[in-house]
Each structure stands twice: as C-alpha cells, then as structure tokens.
C-alpha cells in the first residue's frame, strides 16, 4: 500500500506544476495582448475573464468532484486548461481570448478546489495545518517562478504558450498515478 504521505506529495507535485503554468499565463496574456497593440481596457477584459471563470468554477466544481472523484476531475480540468492554453496564440479576436481565459479561470478554480478538498479529505486533523501550509507555499512559489520564466523566453513567440500548456499535462503524471490511501486519525 502506498504511504499516505507519498500520495500527499504526488498531489502537491501536481498542483505545483499546474501553478507554474498558471504563473506563466497570468503574466504572458497581458504582455502578449499589449504587444499586439490592444488598448489597456481590452487587455483588462481578458484578464478579468479569468477571474469571472474562476468564480463560476467555484460554484460548479464541487458537484463535479462528487460525480467523478478527485483524480478524474483533476485530469479533466488539467486537460481542458492545456487545450485552452494551446488555443490562445491562434485565437482570432478579443471574444476568443475572453472565452479561452474564462475557460482557463473555470478550470483553475477546479484544480485548486480539487487539490484542497482532496488534501483535506486525505490528511488527518493533526497534520492538516502543516499540509495545507505546504500547499499554499508551493503554489505561491510556483506562480512566482512561472512569471519569472518569462524573463528568459521570447513572449512574442508561441513557445511560452506551448511550455505553459505542457505544464498542465505534466501535472497529470503524479496525480493520475496516485493511489488514494487514508491516514488513520
């Protein structure tokens, strides 16, 4: 049987990789739109679309987790994030960018809610604070690292979109290979 701590480590690895990709997109999207000459108000609409999608995801994702479970839900949202991220550089016009960022925000809410509920369910009370603190620390570090990666790539190229999207797929490896043992309280 897989150690419960190993399962927690796999979940944390998955969300860390996801957060790295999300950090790239959080900064890459407004940079890319500004480079394309869009006015600040339109760039703001695209950026805000992600937050609106996140809010919508918070209202729906709980039902998805109950229907299909943590691993399948994480896999679906990571795959959808990857596809939306890959579509961004080829999206035509502002409506396409808004819809794709809405979808990515929705999936982002899903990935975070899945991770948090899964860690909460998996971890005994006496370790929960430490595990959730570790989760927040690795997510914040990965988001910042994703943004920092943009200093070493050409933001006018498609490569940062591909690499950031690949992070969502890479995150599937530790998560989908996880067994679901539970700690004894």
Foldseek 3Di string as FASTA:
>chain_A
DDDLVLLLVLLLLLLLLLLLLVLQCLPLQLVQVVVVPDDPVLSVLLNVLLVQLLVVLLVPLVVVCVVPNLLVQLLVLLLLLLVLLLCVVVDPDSVSSSVSSSSNSSSVNNSVVSSLVLLVQAADPVCSVVSVVVSVVSSVVSSVNSNVVVVVDDSNDSVSSNSSSVSSVVSSVSSVPRDRDHDDD
